[in-house]
Amino acid sequence: MDLKETDILGANIGQHWYYRSKANAMTRLLSGVSPLAILDIGAGSGFFSKKLLSDTMAKEAWCVDISYECDSDALEAGKPVHFRKSVDKVNADLVLLMDVLEHVDDDVGLLKDYVTKVPSGARFLISVPAFQFLWSGHDVFLEHKRRYRLKQMEDVVRQAGLTVKHGAYYFGAVFPIAAAIRLVSNFVQRGRYKAQSQLSQHHPFINETLAAMSFAELPLFVPNRLAGLTVFDVAEKS
């Protein structure tokens, strides 16, 4: 989760359709999984790990982000949240990498490094932006290195030493709209991408409409290996 987006949405991040929907997708993919300790890599504000602390039996979360000014601790639903610039070994049974791997040159290396920091049996939940042809000024603004196809993401997961449990695309319902807008915009810009976030505070009607479209997609989300704006992968350290 990028702190640049947190700065844009502020305290309303939990109401924004994109983050609400991504949290719903996370919950759906983790159905039947009961984590006790969460390691949240590139956590930003810790939105996703805080959601799990509030809604599950998880007892603590370690939020890691090199953008933090200093180490600190807080509480969420009465449970400890440890904000750290880096960590060594962590006894976590769930590792989150929500929109992280697209930011680094060596995605396999970063993932492999964190595989060594957690015990065997730990689950990994990973999300990345989908399809390179959707590259835009938004990616430039967020300092992305690439976008992924599902199979490409699964290859990265395997190279890092993890076993792929499930992969899927999400935001398939809004995919045609977003793809059309980006392709037209990219044609007009002729490859001269302006670094500019496309994330904004929408009118309540638009926000709720997009949230409803994404919510309606959830029953079809898990088997969706066709198209979407985000790739999700669930993997396990054997």
C-alpha atoms as a PDB file:
ATOM      1  CA  MET A   1       0.000   0.000   0.000  1.00  0.00           C
ATOM      2  CA  ASP A   2       1.523   3.276  -1.116  1.00  0.00           C
ATOM      3  CA  LEU A   3       1.791   6.148   1.373  1.00  0.00           C
ATOM      4  CA  LYS A   4       1.253   8.534  -1.564  1.00  0.00           C
ATOM      5  CA  GLU A   5      -2.280   7.169  -1.891  1.00  0.00           C
ATOM      6  CA  THR A   6      -2.795   7.401   1.859  1.00  0.00           C
ATOM      7  CA  ASP A   7      -1.880  11.091   1.657  1.00  0.00           C
ATOM      8  CA  ILE A   8      -4.497  11.623  -1.081  1.00  0.00           C
ATOM      9  CA  LEU A   9      -7.369   9.824   0.659  1.00  0.00           C
ATOM     10  CA  GLY A  10      -6.482  10.626   4.255  1.00  0.00           C
ATOM     11  CA  ALA A  11      -8.880   9.433   6.937  1.00  0.00           C
ATOM     12  CA  ASN A  12     -11.475   8.497   4.292  1.00  0.00           C
ATOM     13  CA  ILE A  13      -9.402   5.674   2.857  1.00  0.00           C
ATOM     14  CA  GLY A  14     -11.695   3.057   4.406  1.00  0.00           C
ATOM     15  CA  GLN A  15     -14.685   4.526   2.544  1.00  0.00           C
ATOM     16  CA  HIS A  16     -13.048   4.658  -0.874  1.00  0.00           C
ATOM     17  CA  TRP A  17     -14.476   2.018  -3.203  1.00  0.00           C
ATOM     18  CA  TYR A  18     -11.059   0.738  -4.309  1.00  0.00           C
ATOM     19  CA  TYR A  19      -9.718  -0.009  -0.834  1.00  0.00           C
ATOM     20  CA  ARG A  20     -13.053  -1.284   0.471  1.00  0.00           C
ATOM     21  CA  SER A  21     -13.249  -3.667  -2.474  1.00  0.00           C
ATOM     22  CA  LYS A  22      -9.649  -4.814  -2.159  1.00  0.00           C
ATOM     23  CA  ALA A  23     -10.223  -5.540   1.529  1.00  0.00           C
ATOM     24  CA  ASN A  24     -13.285  -7.605   0.581  1.00  0.00           C
ATOM     25  CA  ALA A  25     -11.181  -9.552  -1.928  1.00  0.00           C
ATOM     26  CA  MET A  26      -8.543 -10.163   0.733  1.00  0.00           C
ATOM     27  CA  THR A  27     -11.188 -11.490   3.121  1.00  0.00           C
ATOM     28  CA  ARG A  28     -12.620 -13.767   0.428  1.00  0.00           C
ATOM     29  CA  LEU A  29      -9.207 -15.251  -0.434  1.00  0.00           C
ATOM     30  CA  LEU A  30      -8.385 -15.821   3.240  1.00  0.00           C
ATOM     31  CA  SER A  31     -11.688 -17.547   3.959  1.00  0.00           C
ATOM     32  CA  GLY A  32     -10.968 -20.471   6.264  1.00  0.00           C
ATOM     33  CA  VAL A  33      -7.565 -19.071   7.250  1.00  0.00           C
ATOM     34  CA  SER A  34      -7.210 -17.900  10.850  1.00  0.00           C
ATOM     35  CA  PRO A  35      -3.920 -16.007  11.198  1.00  0.00           C
ATOM     36  CA  LEU A  36      -2.531 -15.208  14.622  1.00  0.00           C
ATOM     37  CA  ALA A  37       0.342 -12.927  13.634  1.00  0.00           C
ATOM     38  CA  ILE A  38       0.545 -10.784  10.480  1.00  0.00           C
ATOM     39  CA  LEU A  39       3.631  -9.490   8.720  1.00  0.00           C
ATOM     40  CA  ASP A  40       2.544  -6.638   6.428  1.00  0.00           C
ATOM     41  CA  ILE A  41       5.293  -5.670   3.958  1.00  0.00           C
ATOM     42  CA  GLY A  42       5.161  -2.207   2.378  1.00  0.00           C
ATOM     43  CA  ALA A  43       2.288  -1.633   4.750  1.00  0.00           C
ATOM     44  CA  GLY A  44       1.950   2.140   4.523  1.00  0.00           C
ATOM     45  CA  SER A  45      -0.749   3.078   7.024  1.00  0.00           C
ATOM     46  CA  GLY A  46      -1.345  -0.599   7.799  1.00  0.00           C
ATOM     47  CA  PHE A  47      -4.886  -0.462   6.390  1.00  0.00           C
ATOM     48  CA  PHE A  48      -5.107  -4.139   5.452  1.00  0.00           C
ATOM     49  CA  SER A  49      -3.473  -5.609   8.559  1.00  0.00           C
ATOM     50  CA  LYS A  50      -5.614  -3.339  10.755  1.00  0.00           C
ATOM     51  CA  LYS A  51      -8.678  -4.659   8.952  1.00  0.00           C
ATOM     52  CA  LEU A  52      -7.664  -8.216   9.795  1.00  0.00           C
ATOM     53  CA  LEU A  53      -6.933  -7.325  13.407  1.00  0.00           C
ATOM     54  CA  SER A  54     -10.402  -5.826  13.718  1.00  0.00           C
ATOM     55  CA  ASP A  55     -12.287  -8.608  11.942  1.00  0.00           C
ATOM     56  CA  THR A  56     -10.389 -11.810  12.795  1.00  0.00           C
ATOM     57  CA  MET A  57      -8.745 -13.610  15.709  1.00  0.00           C
ATOM     58  CA  ALA A  58      -5.306 -12.277  14.699  1.00  0.00           C
ATOM     59  CA  LYS A  59      -3.444 -11.105  17.788  1.00  0.00           C
ATOM     60  CA  GLU A  60      -0.764  -8.763  16.421  1.00  0.00           C
ATOM     61  CA  ALA A  61       0.652  -7.221  13.249  1.00  0.00           C
ATOM     62  CA  TRP A  62       4.114  -6.185  12.150  1.00  0.00           C
ATOM     63  CA  CYS A  63       3.897  -3.392   9.556  1.00  0.00           C
ATOM     64  CA  VAL A  64       7.127  -2.866   7.629  1.00  0.00           C
ATOM     65  CA  ASP A  65       7.814   0.081   5.354  1.00  0.00           C
ATOM     66  CA  ILE A  66      11.063   1.856   4.502  1.00  0.00           C
ATOM     67  CA  SER A  67       9.078   5.114   4.256  1.00  0.00           C
ATOM     68  CA  TYR A  68       8.443   5.288   8.022  1.00  0.00           C
ATOM     69  CA  GLU A  69      10.354   8.084   9.714  1.00  0.00           C
ATOM     70  CA  CYS A  70      10.968   5.934  12.796  1.00  0.00           C
ATOM     71  CA  ASP A  71       9.829   2.762  14.529  1.00  0.00           C
ATOM     72  CA  SER A  72       6.633   3.028  16.571  1.00  0.00           C
ATOM     73  CA  ASP A  73       3.859   0.985  18.155  1.00  0.00           C
ATOM     74  CA  ALA A  74       0.100   1.388  18.287  1.00  0.00           C
ATOM     75  CA  LEU A  75      -3.094  -0.502  19.055  1.00  0.00           C
ATOM     76  CA  GLU A  76      -5.878  -1.633  16.737  1.00  0.00           C
ATOM     77  CA  ALA A  77      -8.962  -3.208  18.327  1.00  0.00           C
ATOM     78  CA  GLY A  78      -6.848  -3.504  21.480  1.00  0.00           C
ATOM     79  CA  LYS A  79      -4.171  -5.507  19.643  1.00  0.00           C
ATOM     80  CA  PRO A  80      -0.554  -4.415  19.103  1.00  0.00           C
ATOM     81  CA  VAL A  81       0.618  -3.036  15.764  1.00  0.00           C
ATOM     82  CA  HIS A  82       4.382  -2.675  15.386  1.00  0.00           C
ATOM     83  CA  PHE A  83       5.498  -0.201  12.711  1.00  0.00           C
ATOM     84  CA  ARG A  84       9.081  -0.926  11.650  1.00  0.00           C
ATOM     85  CA  LYS A  85      11.446   0.246   8.921  1.00  0.00           C
ATOM     86  CA  SER A  86      12.808  -3.312   8.734  1.00  0.00           C
ATOM     87  CA  VAL A  87      12.561  -6.659  10.534  1.00  0.00           C
ATOM     88  CA  ASP A  88      14.610  -9.829  10.910  1.00  0.00           C
ATOM     89  CA  LYS A  89      12.820 -13.060  11.834  1.00  0.00           C
ATOM     90  CA  VAL A  90       9.101 -12.762  12.606  1.00  0.00           C
ATOM     91  CA  ASN A  91       6.911 -15.591  13.876  1.00  0.00           C
ATOM     92  CA  ALA A  92       4.064 -14.666  11.506  1.00  0.00           C
ATOM     93  CA  ASP A  93       1.675 -17.132   9.892  1.00  0.00           C
ATOM     94  CA  LEU A  94       0.336 -14.620   7.340  1.00  0.00           C
ATOM     95  CA  VAL A  95       2.441 -12.306   5.176  1.00  0.00           C
ATOM     96  CA  LEU A  96       0.790  -9.493   3.205  1.00  0.00           C
ATOM     97  CA  LEU A  97       2.419  -7.845   0.191  1.00  0.00           C
ATOM     98  CA  MET A  98      -0.352  -5.601  -1.069  1.00  0.00           C
ATOM     99  CA  ASP A  99       0.869  -3.680  -4.136  1.00  0.00           C
ATOM    100  CA  VAL A 100       4.543  -3.957  -3.228  1.00  0.00           C
ATOM    101  CA  LEU A 101       6.461  -6.122  -5.716  1.00  0.00           C
ATOM    102  CA  GLU A 102       5.803  -3.783  -8.641  1.00  0.00           C
ATOM    103  CA  HIS A 103       7.913  -1.133  -6.869  1.00  0.00           C
ATOM    104  CA  VAL A 104      11.229  -3.011  -6.840  1.00  0.00           C
ATOM    105  CA  ASP A 105      13.716  -4.028  -9.521  1.00  0.00           C
ATOM    106  CA  ASP A 106      14.215  -7.527  -8.076  1.00  0.00           C
ATOM    107  CA  ASP A 107      10.745  -8.784  -7.196  1.00  0.00           C
ATOM    108  CA  VAL A 108      11.879 -12.402  -6.782  1.00  0.00           C
ATOM    109  CA  GLY A 109      14.750 -11.324  -4.512  1.00  0.00           C
ATOM    110  CA  LEU A 110      12.521  -9.224  -2.247  1.00  0.00           C
ATOM    111  CA  LEU A 111       9.919 -11.950  -1.911  1.00  0.00           C
ATOM    112  CA  LYS A 112      12.575 -14.616  -1.307  1.00  0.00           C
ATOM    113  CA  ASP A 113      14.100 -12.459   1.450  1.00  0.00           C
ATOM    114  CA  TYR A 114      10.823 -12.374   3.362  1.00  0.00           C
ATOM    115  CA  VAL A 115      10.228 -16.085   2.795  1.00  0.00           C
ATOM    116  CA  THR A 116      13.352 -16.671   4.916  1.00  0.00           C
ATOM    117  CA  LYS A 117      12.024 -14.444   7.726  1.00  0.00           C
ATOM    118  CA  VAL A 118       8.876 -16.482   8.528  1.00  0.00           C
ATOM    119  CA  PRO A 119       8.311 -20.100   9.612  1.00  0.00           C
ATOM    120  CA  SER A 120       7.236 -22.968   7.366  1.00  0.00           C
ATOM    121  CA  GLY A 121       3.501 -23.083   6.786  1.00  0.00           C
ATOM    122  CA  ALA A 122       3.163 -19.290   6.608  1.00  0.00           C
ATOM    123  CA  ARG A 123       0.647 -18.061   4.037  1.00  0.00           C
ATOM    124  CA  PHE A 124       1.468 -15.211   1.654  1.00  0.00           C
ATOM    125  CA  LEU A 125      -1.205 -12.960   0.160  1.00  0.00           C
ATOM    126  CA  ILE A 126       0.135 -10.861  -2.702  1.00  0.00           C
ATOM    127  CA  SER A 127      -1.499  -8.266  -4.938  1.00  0.00           C
ATOM    128  CA  VAL A 128       0.002  -6.392  -7.890  1.00  0.00           C
ATOM    129  CA  PRO A 129      -1.386  -4.229 -10.729  1.00  0.00           C
ATOM    130  CA  ALA A 130      -2.387  -6.183 -13.834  1.00  0.00           C
ATOM    131  CA  PHE A 131      -1.419  -5.957 -17.520  1.00  0.00           C
ATOM    132  CA  GLN A 132       1.470  -3.904 -18.866  1.00  0.00           C
ATOM    133  CA  PHE A 133      -0.719  -2.424 -21.624  1.00  0.00           C
ATOM    134  CA  LEU A 134      -2.585  -0.537 -18.874  1.00  0.00           C
ATOM    135  CA  TRP A 135       0.595   1.344 -17.946  1.00  0.00           C
ATOM    136  CA  SER A 136      -0.151   5.032 -17.377  1.00  0.00           C
ATOM    137  CA  GLY A 137       0.935   8.183 -15.591  1.00  0.00           C
ATOM    138  CA  HIS A 138      -0.552   6.668 -12.436  1.00  0.00           C
ATOM    139  CA  ASP A 139       2.156   3.981 -12.518  1.00  0.00           C
ATOM    140  CA  VAL A 140       4.805   6.653 -13.073  1.00  0.00           C
ATOM    141  CA  PHE A 141       3.440   8.662 -10.127  1.00  0.00           C
ATOM    142  CA  LEU A 142       3.615   5.616  -7.846  1.00  0.00           C
ATOM    143  CA  GLU A 143       7.092   4.721  -9.152  1.00  0.00           C
ATOM    144  CA  HIS A 144       6.102   1.295 -10.451  1.00  0.00           C
ATOM    145  CA  LYS A 145       8.594  -0.853 -12.354  1.00  0.00           C
ATOM    146  CA  ARG A 146       6.064  -3.093 -14.110  1.00  0.00           C
ATOM    147  CA  ARG A 147       2.558  -4.507 -14.203  1.00  0.00           C
ATOM    148  CA  TYR A 148       1.847  -8.267 -14.205  1.00  0.00           C
ATOM    149  CA  ARG A 149      -0.138 -11.003 -15.851  1.00  0.00           C
ATOM    150  CA  LEU A 150      -1.398 -13.729 -13.524  1.00  0.00           C
ATOM    151  CA  LYS A 151       0.947 -16.420 -14.839  1.00  0.00           C
ATOM    152  CA  GLN A 152       3.895 -14.022 -14.571  1.00  0.00           C
ATOM    153  CA  MET A 153       3.067 -13.378 -10.907  1.00  0.00           C
ATOM    154  CA  GLU A 154       2.770 -17.090 -10.201  1.00  0.00           C
ATOM    155  CA  ASP A 155       6.203 -17.635 -11.768  1.00  0.00           C
ATOM    156  CA  VAL A 156       7.680 -15.004  -9.416  1.00  0.00           C
ATOM    157  CA  VAL A 157       6.058 -16.730  -6.439  1.00  0.00           C
ATOM    158  CA  ARG A 158       7.490 -20.120  -7.407  1.00  0.00           C
ATOM    159  CA  GLN A 159      10.970 -18.719  -8.051  1.00  0.00           C
ATOM    160  CA  ALA A 160      10.908 -17.278  -4.530  1.00  0.00           C
ATOM    161  CA  GLY A 161      10.416 -20.787  -3.146  1.00  0.00           C
ATOM    162  CA  LEU A 162       6.695 -20.642  -2.396  1.00  0.00           C
ATOM    163  CA  THR A 163       3.905 -23.000  -3.410  1.00  0.00           C
ATOM    164  CA  VAL A 164       1.067 -21.318  -5.297  1.00  0.00           C
ATOM    165  CA  LYS A 165      -2.283 -22.115  -3.675  1.00  0.00           C
ATOM    166  CA  HIS A 166      -4.500 -19.862  -5.766  1.00  0.00           C
ATOM    167  CA  GLY A 167      -4.339 -16.967  -8.214  1.00  0.00           C
ATOM    168  CA  ALA A 168      -7.014 -14.728  -9.680  1.00  0.00           C
ATOM    169  CA  TYR A 169      -7.747 -11.369 -11.248  1.00  0.00           C
ATOM    170  CA  TYR A 170      -9.958  -8.851  -9.459  1.00  0.00           C
ATOM    171  CA  PHE A 171     -11.768  -5.678 -10.533  1.00  0.00           C
ATOM    172  CA  GLY A 172     -12.962  -7.482 -13.629  1.00  0.00           C
ATOM    173  CA  ALA A 173     -16.299  -5.659 -13.496  1.00  0.00           C
ATOM    174  CA  VAL A 174     -14.668  -2.243 -13.901  1.00  0.00           C
ATOM    175  CA  PHE A 175     -11.888  -3.540 -16.158  1.00  0.00           C
ATOM    176  CA  PRO A 176     -13.536  -2.578 -19.499  1.00  0.00           C
ATOM    177  CA  ILE A 177     -14.192   0.975 -18.290  1.00  0.00           C
ATOM    178  CA  ALA A 178     -10.703   1.492 -16.858  1.00  0.00           C
ATOM    179  CA  ALA A 179      -9.006  -0.138 -19.861  1.00  0.00           C
ATOM    180  CA  ALA A 180     -10.890   2.078 -22.334  1.00  0.00           C
ATOM    181  CA  ILE A 181     -10.028   5.240 -20.391  1.00  0.00           C
ATOM    182  CA  ARG A 182      -6.341   4.352 -20.093  1.00  0.00           C
ATOM    183  CA  LEU A 183      -5.939   3.261 -23.707  1.00  0.00           C
ATOM    184  CA  VAL A 184      -7.509   6.464 -25.002  1.00  0.00           C
ATOM    185  CA  SER A 185      -5.429   8.558 -22.609  1.00  0.00           C
ATOM    186  CA  ASN A 186      -2.239   6.734 -23.602  1.00  0.00           C
ATOM    187  CA  PHE A 187      -3.008   7.250 -27.291  1.00  0.00           C
ATOM    188  CA  VAL A 188      -3.463  10.981 -26.754  1.00  0.00           C
ATOM    189  CA  GLN A 189      -0.261  11.251 -24.699  1.00  0.00           C
ATOM    190  CA  ARG A 190       1.666   9.149 -27.258  1.00  0.00           C
ATOM    191  CA  GLY A 191       3.813   7.544 -24.600  1.00  0.00           C
ATOM    192  CA  ARG A 192       4.694  10.794 -22.817  1.00  0.00           C
ATOM    193  CA  TYR A 193       3.218   9.791 -19.480  1.00  0.00           C
ATOM    194  CA  LYS A 194       2.517  12.540 -16.990  1.00  0.00           C
ATOM    195  CA  ALA A 195       3.198  11.421 -13.428  1.00  0.00           C
ATOM    196  CA  GLN A 196      -0.239  11.918 -11.924  1.00  0.00           C
ATOM    197  CA  SER A 197      -2.377   9.864  -9.541  1.00  0.00           C
ATOM    198  CA  GLN A 198      -5.714   8.663 -10.871  1.00  0.00           C
ATOM    199  CA  LEU A 199      -6.928   7.978  -7.350  1.00  0.00           C
ATOM    200  CA  SER A 200      -9.318  10.621  -6.046  1.00  0.00           C
ATOM    201  CA  GLN A 201     -12.243  11.304  -3.773  1.00  0.00           C
ATOM    202  CA  HIS A 202     -15.229  10.505  -5.986  1.00  0.00           C
ATOM    203  CA  HIS A 203     -18.752  11.838  -5.775  1.00  0.00           C
ATOM    204  CA  PRO A 204     -20.648   9.569  -3.322  1.00  0.00           C
ATOM    205  CA  PHE A 205     -22.858   8.191  -6.124  1.00  0.00           C
ATOM    206  CA  ILE A 206     -19.861   7.207  -8.263  1.00  0.00           C
ATOM    207  CA  ASN A 207     -18.004   5.815  -5.244  1.00  0.00           C
ATOM    208  CA  GLU A 208     -20.944   3.624  -4.209  1.00  0.00           C
ATOM    209  CA  THR A 209     -21.632   2.506  -7.787  1.00  0.00           C
ATOM    210  CA  LEU A 210     -18.052   1.307  -8.260  1.00  0.00           C
ATOM    211  CA  ALA A 211     -18.119  -0.351  -4.834  1.00  0.00           C
ATOM    212  CA  ALA A 212     -21.367  -2.144  -5.731  1.00  0.00           C
ATOM    213  CA  MET A 213     -19.948  -3.359  -9.055  1.00  0.00           C
ATOM    214  CA  SER A 214     -16.875  -4.756  -7.336  1.00  0.00           C
ATOM    215  CA  PHE A 215     -18.930  -6.327  -4.542  1.00  0.00           C
ATOM    216  CA  ALA A 216     -21.207  -8.030  -7.077  1.00  0.00           C
ATOM    217  CA  GLU A 217     -18.108  -9.507  -8.696  1.00  0.00           C
ATOM    218  CA  LEU A 218     -16.947 -11.305  -5.539  1.00  0.00           C
ATOM    219  CA  PRO A 219     -18.799 -14.610  -6.199  1.00  0.00           C
ATOM    220  CA  LEU A 220     -17.006 -14.811  -9.581  1.00  0.00           C
ATOM    221  CA  PHE A 221     -13.684 -13.476  -8.323  1.00  0.00           C
ATOM    222  CA  VAL A 222     -11.963 -16.637  -7.108  1.00  0.00           C
ATOM    223  CA  PRO A 223     -12.143 -18.504 -10.465  1.00  0.00           C
ATOM    224  CA  ASN A 224     -11.363 -15.398 -12.567  1.00  0.00           C
ATOM    225  CA  ARG A 225      -8.140 -16.071 -14.471  1.00  0.00           C
ATOM    226  CA  LEU A 226      -9.199 -13.969 -17.448  1.00  0.00           C
ATOM    227  CA  ALA A 227      -8.921 -10.232 -16.732  1.00  0.00           C
ATOM    228  CA  GLY A 228      -9.002  -7.530 -14.083  1.00  0.00           C
ATOM    229  CA  LEU A 229      -7.075  -4.532 -12.808  1.00  0.00           C
ATOM    230  CA  THR A 230      -5.347  -6.418  -9.988  1.00  0.00           C
ATOM    231  CA  VAL A 231      -3.636  -9.792  -9.722  1.00  0.00           C
ATOM    232  CA  PHE A 232      -3.996 -11.687  -6.440  1.00  0.00           C
ATOM    233  CA  ASP A 233      -1.921 -14.696  -5.425  1.00  0.00           C
ATOM    234  CA  VAL A 234      -2.158 -16.862  -2.340  1.00  0.00           C
ATOM    235  CA  ALA A 235       0.959 -18.942  -1.662  1.00  0.00           C
ATOM    236  CA  GLU A 236       2.515 -20.975   1.145  1.00  0.00           C
ATOM    237  CA  LYS A 237       5.975 -21.619   2.506  1.00  0.00           C
ATOM    238  CA  SER A 238       6.295 -25.398   2.483  1.00  0.00           C
END
